[in-house]
C-alpha atoms as a PDB file:
ATOM      1  CA  MET A   1      13.327  -8.987   7.035  1.00  0.00           C
ATOM      2  CA  THR A   2      12.781 -11.591   4.367  1.00  0.00           C
ATOM      3  CA  GLN A   3      11.594 -15.299   5.080  1.00  0.00           C
ATOM      4  CA  THR A   4      15.174 -16.397   3.764  1.00  0.00           C
ATOM      5  CA  ASP A   5      16.835 -14.122   6.437  1.00  0.00           C
ATOM      6  CA  GLU A   6      14.509 -15.563   9.079  1.00  0.00           C
ATOM      7  CA  ILE A   7      15.203 -19.155   8.200  1.00  0.00           C
ATOM      8  CA  ARG A   8      18.933 -18.347   8.171  1.00  0.00           C
ATOM      9  CA  LYS A   9      18.658 -17.044  11.790  1.00  0.00           C
ATOM     10  CA  ILE A  10      16.888 -20.027  12.790  1.00  0.00           C
ATOM     11  CA  GLN A  11      19.610 -22.278  11.571  1.00  0.00           C
ATOM     12  CA  GLU A  12      22.432 -20.310  13.303  1.00  0.00           C
ATOM     13  CA  ALA A  13      20.566 -20.364  16.583  1.00  0.00           C
ATOM     14  CA  THR A  14      20.334 -24.066  16.194  1.00  0.00           C
ATOM     15  CA  ARG A  15      23.960 -24.358  15.291  1.00  0.00           C
ATOM     16  CA  ALA A  16      25.015 -22.193  18.205  1.00  0.00           C
ATOM     17  CA  ILE A  17      22.949 -24.057  20.758  1.00  0.00           C
ATOM     18  CA  ARG A  18      24.151 -27.454  19.274  1.00  0.00           C
ATOM     19  CA  GLN A  19      27.758 -26.520  19.729  1.00  0.00           C
ATOM     20  CA  ASN A  20      27.211 -25.110  23.243  1.00  0.00           C
ATOM     21  CA  VAL A  21      25.285 -28.110  24.562  1.00  0.00           C
ATOM     22  CA  GLY A  22      27.938 -30.182  22.711  1.00  0.00           C
ATOM     23  CA  ARG A  23      30.686 -28.971  25.010  1.00  0.00           C
ATOM     24  CA  VAL A  24      28.962 -31.067  27.893  1.00  0.00           C
ATOM     25  CA  ILE A  25      26.754 -33.675  26.268  1.00  0.00           C
ATOM     26  CA  VAL A  26      28.609 -35.993  23.902  1.00  0.00           C
ATOM     27  CA  GLY A  27      27.206 -37.099  20.641  1.00  0.00           C
ATOM     28  CA  LYS A  28      23.362 -36.286  20.857  1.00  0.00           C
ATOM     29  CA  GLU A  29      23.148 -33.648  18.178  1.00  0.00           C
ATOM     30  CA  ALA A  30      19.794 -35.224  17.006  1.00  0.00           C
ATOM     31  CA  VAL A  31      18.336 -34.884  20.338  1.00  0.00           C
ATOM     32  CA  VAL A  32      19.670 -31.274  20.694  1.00  0.00           C
ATOM     33  CA  ASP A  33      17.759 -30.573  17.356  1.00  0.00           C
ATOM     34  CA  LEU A  34      14.489 -32.015  18.750  1.00  0.00           C
ATOM     35  CA  LEU A  35      14.868 -29.842  21.666  1.00  0.00           C
ATOM     36  CA  MET A  36      15.365 -26.770  19.330  1.00  0.00           C
ATOM     37  CA  VAL A  37      12.127 -27.873  17.509  1.00  0.00           C
ATOM     38  CA  ALA A  38      10.502 -27.693  21.041  1.00  0.00           C
ATOM     39  CA  LEU A  39      11.980 -24.338  21.848  1.00  0.00           C
ATOM     40  CA  LEU A  40      10.608 -22.918  18.554  1.00  0.00           C
ATOM     41  CA  CYS A  41       7.098 -24.361  19.198  1.00  0.00           C
ATOM     42  CA  GLU A  42       7.312 -23.346  23.018  1.00  0.00           C
ATOM     43  CA  GLY A  43       6.507 -26.982  23.580  1.00  0.00           C
ATOM     44  CA  HIS A  44       7.226 -28.929  26.763  1.00  0.00           C
ATOM     45  CA  VAL A  45       9.613 -31.796  26.690  1.00  0.00           C
ATOM     46  CA  LEU A  46       9.579 -35.091  28.770  1.00  0.00           C
ATOM     47  CA  PHE A  47      12.784 -36.976  29.096  1.00  0.00           C
ATOM     48  CA  GLU A  48      12.240 -40.592  29.891  1.00  0.00           C
ATOM     49  CA  ASP A  49      15.126 -42.803  30.299  1.00  0.00           C
ATOM     50  CA  VAL A  50      17.087 -44.953  32.689  1.00  0.00           C
ATOM     51  CA  PRO A  51      18.952 -43.177  35.526  1.00  0.00           C
ATOM     52  CA  GLY A  52      22.512 -41.697  35.054  1.00  0.00           C
ATOM     53  CA  ILE A  53      22.249 -41.457  31.198  1.00  0.00           C
ATOM     54  CA  GLY A  54      22.483 -37.534  31.251  1.00  0.00           C
ATOM     55  CA  LYS A  55      18.821 -36.349  31.235  1.00  0.00           C
ATOM     56  CA  THR A  56      19.269 -33.817  33.928  1.00  0.00           C
ATOM     57  CA  MET A  57      22.430 -32.735  32.536  1.00  0.00           C
ATOM     58  CA  MET A  58      21.016 -32.265  29.019  1.00  0.00           C
ATOM     59  CA  ALA A  59      18.095 -29.998  30.457  1.00  0.00           C
ATOM     60  CA  LYS A  60      20.680 -28.039  32.509  1.00  0.00           C
ATOM     61  CA  SER A  61      22.971 -27.565  29.380  1.00  0.00           C
ATOM     62  CA  LEU A  62      19.916 -26.425  27.426  1.00  0.00           C
ATOM     63  CA  ALA A  63      18.786 -23.897  30.170  1.00  0.00           C
ATOM     64  CA  ARG A  64      22.315 -22.442  30.461  1.00  0.00           C
ATOM     65  CA  SER A  65      22.597 -21.962  26.634  1.00  0.00           C
ATOM     66  CA  LEU A  66      19.403 -19.781  26.782  1.00  0.00           C
ATOM     67  CA  GLY A  67      19.405 -16.161  28.429  1.00  0.00           C
ATOM     68  CA  CYS A  68      16.135 -16.970  30.078  1.00  0.00           C
ATOM     69  CA  SER A  69      15.214 -17.042  33.781  1.00  0.00           C
ATOM     70  CA  PHE A  70      15.671 -20.658  35.107  1.00  0.00           C
ATOM     71  CA  GLN A  71      14.573 -22.802  38.082  1.00  0.00           C
ATOM     72  CA  ARG A  72      14.984 -26.395  39.011  1.00  0.00           C
ATOM     73  CA  ILE A  73      12.425 -28.308  40.960  1.00  0.00           C
ATOM     74  CA  GLN A  74      13.284 -31.628  42.519  1.00  0.00           C
ATOM     75  CA  PHE A  75       9.877 -33.441  42.769  1.00  0.00           C
ATOM     76  CA  THR A  76       9.244 -35.714  45.765  1.00  0.00           C
ATOM     77  CA  PRO A  77       6.165 -37.307  47.208  1.00  0.00           C
ATOM     78  CA  ASP A  78       5.910 -34.552  50.003  1.00  0.00           C
ATOM     79  CA  LEU A  79       6.059 -31.679  47.538  1.00  0.00           C
ATOM     80  CA  LEU A  80       2.994 -29.574  47.899  1.00  0.00           C
ATOM     81  CA  PRO A  81       1.373 -27.510  45.031  1.00  0.00           C
ATOM     82  CA  SER A  82       2.141 -24.249  46.960  1.00  0.00           C
ATOM     83  CA  ASP A  83       5.901 -25.200  46.936  1.00  0.00           C
ATOM     84  CA  ILE A  84       5.904 -24.851  43.152  1.00  0.00           C
ATOM     85  CA  THR A  85       3.401 -22.229  42.787  1.00  0.00           C
ATOM     86  CA  GLY A  86       4.012 -19.844  45.614  1.00  0.00           C
ATOM     87  CA  ILE A  87       2.374 -18.757  48.760  1.00  0.00           C
ATOM     88  CA  THR A  88       0.588 -15.566  50.118  1.00  0.00           C
ATOM     89  CA  PHE A  89       1.810 -14.782  53.679  1.00  0.00           C
ATOM     90  CA  TYR A  90       1.267 -12.014  56.170  1.00  0.00           C
ATOM     91  CA  ASN A  91       4.067  -9.969  56.752  1.00  0.00           C
ATOM     92  CA  GLN A  92       4.158  -8.637  60.383  1.00  0.00           C
ATOM     93  CA  LYS A  93       6.475  -5.818  59.644  1.00  0.00           C
ATOM     94  CA  THR A  94       4.277  -4.124  56.848  1.00  0.00           C
ATOM     95  CA  GLY A  95       0.871  -5.470  58.152  1.00  0.00           C
ATOM     96  CA  GLU A  96       0.089  -6.693  54.856  1.00  0.00           C
ATOM     97  CA  PHE A  97      -0.417  -9.889  52.898  1.00  0.00           C
ATOM     98  CA  GLU A  98       2.543 -10.543  50.452  1.00  0.00           C
ATOM     99  CA  PHE A  99       3.054 -13.026  47.708  1.00  0.00           C
ATOM    100  CA  ARG A 100       6.288 -15.058  47.693  1.00  0.00           C
ATOM    101  CA  PRO A 101       6.565 -16.436  44.006  1.00  0.00           C
ATOM    102  CA  GLY A 102       7.367 -20.159  43.422  1.00  0.00           C
ATOM    103  CA  PRO A 103       9.841 -21.851  41.139  1.00  0.00           C
ATOM    104  CA  LEU A 104       7.173 -22.030  38.247  1.00  0.00           C
ATOM    105  CA  LEU A 105       7.315 -18.264  37.765  1.00  0.00           C
ATOM    106  CA  THR A 106      10.142 -18.516  35.554  1.00  0.00           C
ATOM    107  CA  GLN A 107      10.783 -19.120  31.865  1.00  0.00           C
ATOM    108  CA  ILE A 108      12.760 -22.323  31.801  1.00  0.00           C
ATOM    109  CA  VAL A 109      11.632 -25.063  34.487  1.00  0.00           C
ATOM    110  CA  LEU A 110      13.399 -28.215  35.039  1.00  0.00           C
ATOM    111  CA  ALA A 111      11.096 -30.594  36.734  1.00  0.00           C
ATOM    112  CA  ASP A 112      13.324 -33.336  37.916  1.00  0.00           C
ATOM    113  CA  GLU A 113      11.759 -36.982  38.473  1.00  0.00           C
ATOM    114  CA  ILE A 114       8.329 -35.406  37.889  1.00  0.00           C
ATOM    115  CA  ASN A 115       6.664 -38.795  38.448  1.00  0.00           C
ATOM    116  CA  ARG A 116       7.485 -38.763  42.063  1.00  0.00           C
ATOM    117  CA  ALA A 117       5.231 -36.018  42.930  1.00  0.00           C
ATOM    118  CA  THR A 118       1.634 -36.604  44.046  1.00  0.00           C
ATOM    119  CA  PRO A 119      -1.172 -36.168  41.487  1.00  0.00           C
ATOM    120  CA  ARG A 120      -2.293 -32.966  43.392  1.00  0.00           C
ATOM    121  CA  THR A 121       1.065 -31.367  42.807  1.00  0.00           C
ATOM    122  CA  GLN A 122       1.308 -32.724  39.076  1.00  0.00           C
ATOM    123  CA  SER A 123      -2.092 -31.187  38.570  1.00  0.00           C
ATOM    124  CA  ALA A 124      -0.728 -27.680  39.546  1.00  0.00           C
ATOM    125  CA  LEU A 125       2.014 -28.026  37.110  1.00  0.00           C
ATOM    126  CA  LEU A 126      -0.590 -29.112  34.406  1.00  0.00           C
ATOM    127  CA  GLU A 127      -2.476 -25.804  34.540  1.00  0.00           C
ATOM    128  CA  ALA A 128       0.902 -23.793  34.126  1.00  0.00           C
ATOM    129  CA  MET A 129       1.890 -26.092  31.275  1.00  0.00           C
ATOM    130  CA  GLU A 130      -1.488 -25.658  29.329  1.00  0.00           C
ATOM    131  CA  GLU A 131      -2.531 -22.368  30.348  1.00  0.00           C
ATOM    132  CA  HIS A 132       0.613 -20.368  31.060  1.00  0.00           C
ATOM    133  CA  GLN A 133      -0.854 -19.293  34.107  1.00  0.00           C
ATOM    134  CA  ILE A 134      -1.058 -20.289  37.972  1.00  0.00           C
ATOM    135  CA  SER A 135      -4.059 -19.725  40.264  1.00  0.00           C
ATOM    136  CA  ILE A 136      -3.552 -18.825  43.850  1.00  0.00           C
ATOM    137  CA  GLU A 137      -6.394 -18.119  46.148  1.00  0.00           C
ATOM    138  CA  ARG A 138      -8.757 -17.085  43.618  1.00  0.00           C
ATOM    139  CA  GLU A 139      -6.104 -15.027  41.591  1.00  0.00           C
ATOM    140  CA  THR A 140      -4.719 -15.779  38.315  1.00  0.00           C
ATOM    141  CA  ILE A 141      -1.068 -14.894  37.610  1.00  0.00           C
ATOM    142  CA  PRO A 142       0.388 -15.270  34.031  1.00  0.00           C
ATOM    143  CA  LEU A 143       3.656 -16.790  33.446  1.00  0.00           C
ATOM    144  CA  PRO A 144       6.401 -15.201  31.741  1.00  0.00           C
ATOM    145  CA  ARG A 145       7.000 -16.045  27.905  1.00  0.00           C
ATOM    146  CA  PRO A 146       8.695 -17.994  26.749  1.00  0.00           C
ATOM    147  CA  PHE A 147       7.659 -20.570  29.297  1.00  0.00           C
ATOM    148  CA  ILE A 148       8.827 -24.210  28.912  1.00  0.00           C
ATOM    149  CA  VAL A 149       8.960 -27.262  31.267  1.00  0.00           C
ATOM    150  CA  ILE A 150      11.651 -29.728  30.711  1.00  0.00           C
ATOM    151  CA  ALA A 151      10.657 -32.746  32.689  1.00  0.00           C
ATOM    152  CA  THR A 152      12.708 -36.054  33.524  1.00  0.00           C
ATOM    153  CA  GLN A 153      11.332 -39.364  34.727  1.00  0.00           C
ATOM    154  CA  ASN A 154      12.715 -42.731  35.289  1.00  0.00           C
ATOM    155  CA  PRO A 155      10.492 -45.488  33.644  1.00  0.00           C
ATOM    156  CA  ILE A 156      12.107 -48.514  35.301  1.00  0.00           C
ATOM    157  CA  GLU A 157      11.608 -47.602  38.993  1.00  0.00           C
ATOM    158  CA  LEU A 158       8.013 -47.778  40.046  1.00  0.00           C
ATOM    159  CA  GLU A 159       8.332 -47.688  43.863  1.00  0.00           C
ATOM    160  CA  GLY A 160       7.374 -44.385  45.490  1.00  0.00           C
ATOM    161  CA  THR A 161       6.219 -42.882  42.028  1.00  0.00           C
ATOM    162  CA  PHE A 162       2.986 -41.533  40.582  1.00  0.00           C
ATOM    163  CA  PRO A 163       2.612 -42.359  36.890  1.00  0.00           C
ATOM    164  CA  LEU A 164       1.594 -39.357  34.967  1.00  0.00           C
ATOM    165  CA  PRO A 165      -2.154 -39.421  33.787  1.00  0.00           C
ATOM    166  CA  GLU A 166      -2.812 -39.497  30.044  1.00  0.00           C
ATOM    167  CA  ALA A 167      -4.211 -35.756  30.466  1.00  0.00           C
ATOM    168  CA  GLN A 168      -0.756 -34.601  31.615  1.00  0.00           C
ATOM    169  CA  LEU A 169       1.190 -36.874  29.109  1.00  0.00           C
ATOM    170  CA  ASP A 170      -0.648 -35.044  26.327  1.00  0.00           C
ATOM    171  CA  ARG A 171       0.464 -31.585  27.575  1.00  0.00           C
ATOM    172  CA  PHE A 172       3.963 -32.497  26.768  1.00  0.00           C
ATOM    173  CA  PHE A 173       4.947 -31.340  23.236  1.00  0.00           C
ATOM    174  CA  MET A 174       7.339 -34.367  22.796  1.00  0.00           C
ATOM    175  CA  ARG A 175       8.982 -37.209  24.623  1.00  0.00           C
ATOM    176  CA  LEU A 176      12.562 -38.003  24.208  1.00  0.00           C
ATOM    177  CA  ARG A 177      15.206 -40.650  25.063  1.00  0.00           C
ATOM    178  CA  LEU A 178      18.905 -40.296  25.200  1.00  0.00           C
ATOM    179  CA  GLU A 179      19.962 -43.943  25.028  1.00  0.00           C
ATOM    180  CA  TYR A 180      23.217 -45.219  26.082  1.00  0.00           C
ATOM    181  CA  PRO A 181      26.339 -43.741  24.381  1.00  0.00           C
ATOM    182  CA  SER A 182      28.593 -45.651  21.936  1.00  0.00           C
ATOM    183  CA  HIS A 183      32.137 -46.928  23.375  1.00  0.00           C
ATOM    184  CA  ALA A 184      33.833 -44.024  21.788  1.00  0.00           C
ATOM    185  CA  GLU A 185      31.322 -41.458  23.216  1.00  0.00           C
ATOM    186  CA  GLU A 186      31.735 -43.016  26.556  1.00  0.00           C
ATOM    187  CA  ARG A 187      35.543 -42.717  26.440  1.00  0.00           C
ATOM    188  CA  LEU A 188      34.970 -39.113  25.602  1.00  0.00           C
ATOM    189  CA  ILE A 189      32.816 -38.440  28.542  1.00  0.00           C
ATOM    190  CA  LEU A 190      35.572 -39.772  30.669  1.00  0.00           C
ATOM    191  CA  GLN A 191      38.014 -37.542  29.218  1.00  0.00           C
ATOM    192  CA  ARG A 192      36.048 -34.460  29.386  1.00  0.00           C
ATOM    193  CA  PHE A 193      34.983 -34.712  32.908  1.00  0.00           C
ATOM    194  CA  ARG A 194      38.292 -35.839  34.204  1.00  0.00           C
ATOM    195  CA  ASP A 195      39.576 -32.425  35.249  1.00  0.00           C
ATOM    196  CA  ALA A 196      36.818 -29.887  34.791  1.00  0.00           C
ATOM    197  CA  GLN A 197      32.993 -29.441  34.876  1.00  0.00           C
ATOM    198  CA  PRO A 198      32.260 -28.111  31.530  1.00  0.00           C
ATOM    199  CA  LEU A 199      28.491 -27.301  32.548  1.00  0.00           C
ATOM    200  CA  GLN A 200      29.815 -24.418  34.857  1.00  0.00           C
ATOM    201  CA  GLU A 201      31.605 -22.835  31.853  1.00  0.00           C
ATOM    202  CA  LEU A 202      28.531 -22.440  29.646  1.00  0.00           C
ATOM    203  CA  THR A 203      27.175 -19.170  28.644  1.00  0.00           C
ATOM    204  CA  PRO A 204      23.757 -18.104  26.912  1.00  0.00           C
ATOM    205  CA  VAL A 205      23.939 -18.079  23.044  1.00  0.00           C
ATOM    206  CA  LEU A 206      20.347 -17.007  22.631  1.00  0.00           C
ATOM    207  CA  ASP A 207      18.200 -14.683  24.666  1.00  0.00           C
ATOM    208  CA  SER A 208      14.351 -14.813  25.516  1.00  0.00           C
ATOM    209  CA  LYS A 209      13.554 -11.812  22.907  1.00  0.00           C
ATOM    210  CA  GLN A 210      15.401 -13.691  20.136  1.00  0.00           C
ATOM    211  CA  LEU A 211      13.745 -16.849  20.853  1.00  0.00           C
ATOM    212  CA  LEU A 212      10.291 -15.065  20.735  1.00  0.00           C
ATOM    213  CA  GLU A 213      11.251 -13.666  17.405  1.00  0.00           C
ATOM    214  CA  LEU A 214      12.255 -17.082  16.084  1.00  0.00           C
ATOM    215  CA  GLN A 215       9.093 -18.626  17.363  1.00  0.00           C
ATOM    216  CA  GLN A 216       7.245 -16.150  15.186  1.00  0.00           C
ATOM    217  CA  ALA A 217       9.348 -16.555  12.205  1.00  0.00           C
ATOM    218  CA  MET A 218       8.915 -20.332  12.363  1.00  0.00           C
ATOM    219  CA  ARG A 219       5.009 -20.139  12.202  1.00  0.00           C
ATOM    220  CA  ARG A 220       5.389 -18.448   8.752  1.00  0.00           C
ATOM    221  CA  VAL A 221       6.956 -21.663   7.206  1.00  0.00           C
ATOM    222  CA  ARG A 222       4.625 -22.757   4.356  1.00  0.00           C
ATOM    223  CA  VAL A 223       2.433 -25.933   4.788  1.00  0.00           C
ATOM    224  CA  GLU A 224       0.683 -27.011   1.565  1.00  0.00           C
ATOM    225  CA  SER A 225      -2.867 -28.433   1.642  1.00  0.00           C
ATOM    226  CA  GLY A 226      -1.561 -31.894   0.682  1.00  0.00           C
ATOM    227  CA  ILE A 227       0.806 -31.939   3.683  1.00  0.00           C
ATOM    228  CA  GLU A 228      -2.005 -30.750   6.026  1.00  0.00           C
ATOM    229  CA  ASN A 229      -4.280 -33.590   4.727  1.00  0.00           C
ATOM    230  CA  TYR A 230      -1.296 -36.013   5.206  1.00  0.00           C
ATOM    231  CA  ILE A 231      -0.946 -35.035   8.987  1.00  0.00           C
ATOM    232  CA  VAL A 232      -4.537 -35.245   9.570  1.00  0.00           C
ATOM    233  CA  GLU A 233      -4.772 -38.760   8.015  1.00  0.00           C
ATOM    234  CA  ILE A 234      -1.808 -39.897  10.058  1.00  0.00           C
ATOM    235  CA  VAL A 235      -3.418 -38.763  13.421  1.00  0.00           C
ATOM    236  CA  ARG A 236      -6.882 -40.331  12.484  1.00  0.00           C
ATOM    237  CA  ALA A 237      -5.174 -43.545  11.565  1.00  0.00           C
ATOM    238  CA  THR A 238      -3.918 -43.733  15.108  1.00  0.00           C
ATOM    239  CA  ARG A 239      -7.657 -43.628  16.326  1.00  0.00           C
ATOM    240  CA  ALA A 240      -8.572 -46.695  14.101  1.00  0.00           C
ATOM    241  CA  HIS A 241      -5.576 -48.853  14.525  1.00  0.00           C
ATOM    242  CA  ASN A 242      -6.561 -52.202  16.105  1.00  0.00           C
ATOM    243  CA  SER A 243      -3.475 -51.960  18.373  1.00  0.00           C
ATOM    244  CA  ILE A 244      -4.453 -48.715  20.039  1.00  0.00           C
ATOM    245  CA  GLU A 245      -7.304 -48.075  22.426  1.00  0.00           C
ATOM    246  CA  LEU A 246      -6.787 -44.292  22.478  1.00  0.00           C
ATOM    247  CA  GLY A 247      -5.579 -42.543  19.529  1.00  0.00           C
ATOM    248  CA  VAL A 248      -4.010 -38.862  19.205  1.00  0.00           C
ATOM    249  CA  SER A 249      -5.949 -35.922  20.212  1.00  0.00           C
ATOM    250  CA  PRO A 250      -6.506 -32.760  18.266  1.00  0.00           C
ATOM    251  CA  ARG A 251      -3.881 -31.167  20.377  1.00  0.00           C
ATOM    252  CA  GLY A 252      -1.397 -33.711  18.907  1.00  0.00           C
ATOM    253  CA  THR A 253      -2.446 -33.000  15.222  1.00  0.00           C
ATOM    254  CA  LEU A 254      -1.604 -29.301  15.948  1.00  0.00           C
ATOM    255  CA  ALA A 255       1.801 -30.293  17.642  1.00  0.00           C
ATOM    256  CA  LEU A 256       2.742 -32.425  14.743  1.00  0.00           C
ATOM    257  CA  TYR A 257       1.969 -29.621  12.263  1.00  0.00           C
ATOM    258  CA  ARG A 258       4.037 -27.043  14.457  1.00  0.00           C
ATOM    259  CA  ALA A 259       6.873 -29.492  14.799  1.00  0.00           C
ATOM    260  CA  SER A 260       7.057 -30.110  11.186  1.00  0.00           C
ATOM    261  CA  GLN A 261       7.242 -26.439  10.317  1.00  0.00           C
ATOM    262  CA  ALA A 262       9.963 -25.969  13.028  1.00  0.00           C
ATOM    263  CA  PHE A 263      11.919 -29.106  11.686  1.00  0.00           C
ATOM    264  CA  ALA A 264      11.641 -27.795   8.141  1.00  0.00           C
ATOM    265  CA  SER A 265      13.204 -24.368   9.305  1.00  0.00           C
ATOM    266  CA  LEU A 266      15.996 -26.127  10.966  1.00  0.00           C
ATOM    267  CA  LYS A 267      16.774 -27.792   7.654  1.00  0.00           C
ATOM    268  CA  GLY A 268      16.994 -24.478   5.981  1.00  0.00           C
ATOM    269  CA  ARG A 269      13.467 -24.593   4.167  1.00  0.00           C
ATOM    270  CA  SER A 270      10.539 -22.285   4.071  1.00  0.00           C
ATOM    271  CA  PHE A 271       8.041 -24.953   3.215  1.00  0.00           C
ATOM    272  CA  VAL A 272       7.274 -28.301   4.784  1.00  0.00           C
ATOM    273  CA  LEU A 273       7.858 -31.758   3.220  1.00  0.00           C
ATOM    274  CA  PRO A 274       6.298 -35.243   3.967  1.00  0.00           C
ATOM    275  CA  ASP A 275       9.778 -36.257   5.367  1.00  0.00           C
ATOM    276  CA  ASP A 276       9.594 -33.486   7.985  1.00  0.00           C
ATOM    277  CA  VAL A 277       6.176 -35.065   9.170  1.00  0.00           C
ATOM    278  CA  LYS A 278       7.765 -38.469   9.085  1.00  0.00           C
ATOM    279  CA  GLN A 279      10.713 -37.338  11.339  1.00  0.00           C
ATOM    280  CA  MET A 280       8.617 -35.691  13.849  1.00  0.00           C
ATOM    281  CA  ALA A 281       5.748 -38.261  14.129  1.00  0.00           C
ATOM    282  CA  ARG A 282       7.552 -40.485  16.736  1.00  0.00           C
ATOM    283  CA  PRO A 283       8.513 -38.043  19.284  1.00  0.00           C
ATOM    284  CA  ILE A 284       5.378 -35.951  18.888  1.00  0.00           C
ATOM    285  CA  LEU A 285       2.751 -38.677  18.752  1.00  0.00           C
ATOM    286  CA  ALA A 286       4.177 -41.954  20.402  1.00  0.00           C
ATOM    287  CA  HIS A 287       3.516 -40.678  24.052  1.00  0.00           C
ATOM    288  CA  ARG A 288      -0.028 -39.593  23.236  1.00  0.00           C
ATOM    289  CA  LEU A 289      -1.186 -43.231  22.424  1.00  0.00           C
ATOM    290  CA  ILE A 290      -2.610 -45.850  24.759  1.00  0.00           C
ATOM    291  CA  ALA A 291      -2.149 -49.307  23.564  1.00  0.00           C
ATOM    292  CA  THR A 292      -4.777 -52.180  23.941  1.00  0.00           C
ATOM    293  CA  ASN A 293      -4.201 -54.851  26.571  1.00  0.00           C
ATOM    294  CA  GLN A 294      -3.263 -57.345  23.932  1.00  0.00           C
ATOM    295  CA  SER A 295      -0.670 -55.118  22.592  1.00  0.00           C
ATOM    296  CA  ARG A 296       0.757 -54.424  25.895  1.00  0.00           C
ATOM    297  CA  MET A 297       1.012 -58.176  26.581  1.00  0.00           C
ATOM    298  CA  HIS A 298       3.093 -58.704  23.288  1.00  0.00           C
ATOM    299  CA  GLY A 299       5.414 -55.720  24.227  1.00  0.00           C
ATOM    300  CA  ARG A 300       4.762 -53.682  21.344  1.00  0.00           C
ATOM    301  CA  ALA A 301       6.337 -50.308  21.594  1.00  0.00           C
ATOM    302  CA  MET A 302       4.273 -47.210  20.571  1.00  0.00           C
ATOM    303  CA  GLU A 303       6.939 -46.179  18.088  1.00  0.00           C
ATOM    304  CA  GLN A 304       6.461 -49.364  16.284  1.00  0.00           C
ATOM    305  CA  ILE A 305       2.921 -48.708  15.903  1.00  0.00           C
ATOM    306  CA  ILE A 306       3.518 -45.131  14.700  1.00  0.00           C
ATOM    307  CA  ASP A 307       5.912 -46.758  11.931  1.00  0.00           C
ATOM    308  CA  GLU A 308       3.015 -48.949  10.857  1.00  0.00           C
ATOM    309  CA  VAL A 309       0.521 -46.021  10.664  1.00  0.00           C
ATOM    310  CA  LEU A 310       3.317 -44.125   8.528  1.00  0.00           C
ATOM    311  CA  ARG A 311       3.632 -46.862   6.327  1.00  0.00           C
ATOM    312  CA  SER A 312      -0.187 -47.200   5.836  1.00  0.00           C
ATOM    313  CA  ILE A 313      -0.536 -43.666   4.675  1.00  0.00           C
ATOM    314  CA  ALA A 314       0.035 -42.615   1.172  1.00  0.00           C
ATOM    315  CA  VAL A 315       2.722 -39.980   0.825  1.00  0.00           C
ATOM    316  CA  PRO A 316       1.551 -36.901  -1.002  1.00  0.00           C
ATOM    317  CA  VAL A 317       3.251 -35.910  -4.282  1.00  0.00           C
ATOM    318  CA  GLU A 318       3.677 -32.638  -5.724  1.00  0.00           C
ATOM    319  CA  SER A 319       0.838 -31.841  -8.268  1.00  0.00           C
END
């Protein structure tokens, strides 16, 4: 199969998922495209927005569009690590110890209200996200591939929550927001959900084997040395910015590199442009930054600082 055929298959898969999710979610095509970027990179996604805006519905719609095993975990303060990883118990009938797998042993995990879990439970999820494995009683169990966590959290309500530490935020490939719908979109939501539940009617349009093939094809998208240098300069500029206390890690550098490849393939190209890097900078880098106290006092958003960094770096031109 030629690279042109591979890029066309990625575009066709994106179009199919966009149409399928669009039967439930109104007017969020750009967010669906970013989710497809995360899928191609096998990256975890954090949805952060106010309640009732469709975060969980978006995650469920994406999961139903994929022919992958799926589990939903409702995070609460009393949730234990064993509740998500699984337990080993003694079966009196067989006289042997048996392992009962938890909901993490699946391909697509919806971690709803992740910041309501205690740090101990969050750390169990962190190992699964980073290492693609879980550890139970000195035994390491690999997770199925692809393995993707789609987490949601409410940034407004703080009572009874445990903010995600920077180490775990860095494990998320991208952070997304849905924002409120427009007037016309909200009218369409009322009409669409008036007599039916479209989520129940969704069927898979992409199976796990196809997704793994697309992930491999995406990695063959060409990145010239000038673009590589551009990505590194952007990341290094975040570490020297006077409004940032802690800049982007090397993990973030690699994430921006992969996301740029995936976004280029969605646009039908076998090579990355500087515009691809710019488009991916906000969702990939913003949640990895820690602002200085002065920046927080002035209410400066991380996305604004990313924009400043992009304006300060010279865009590479074709030699």
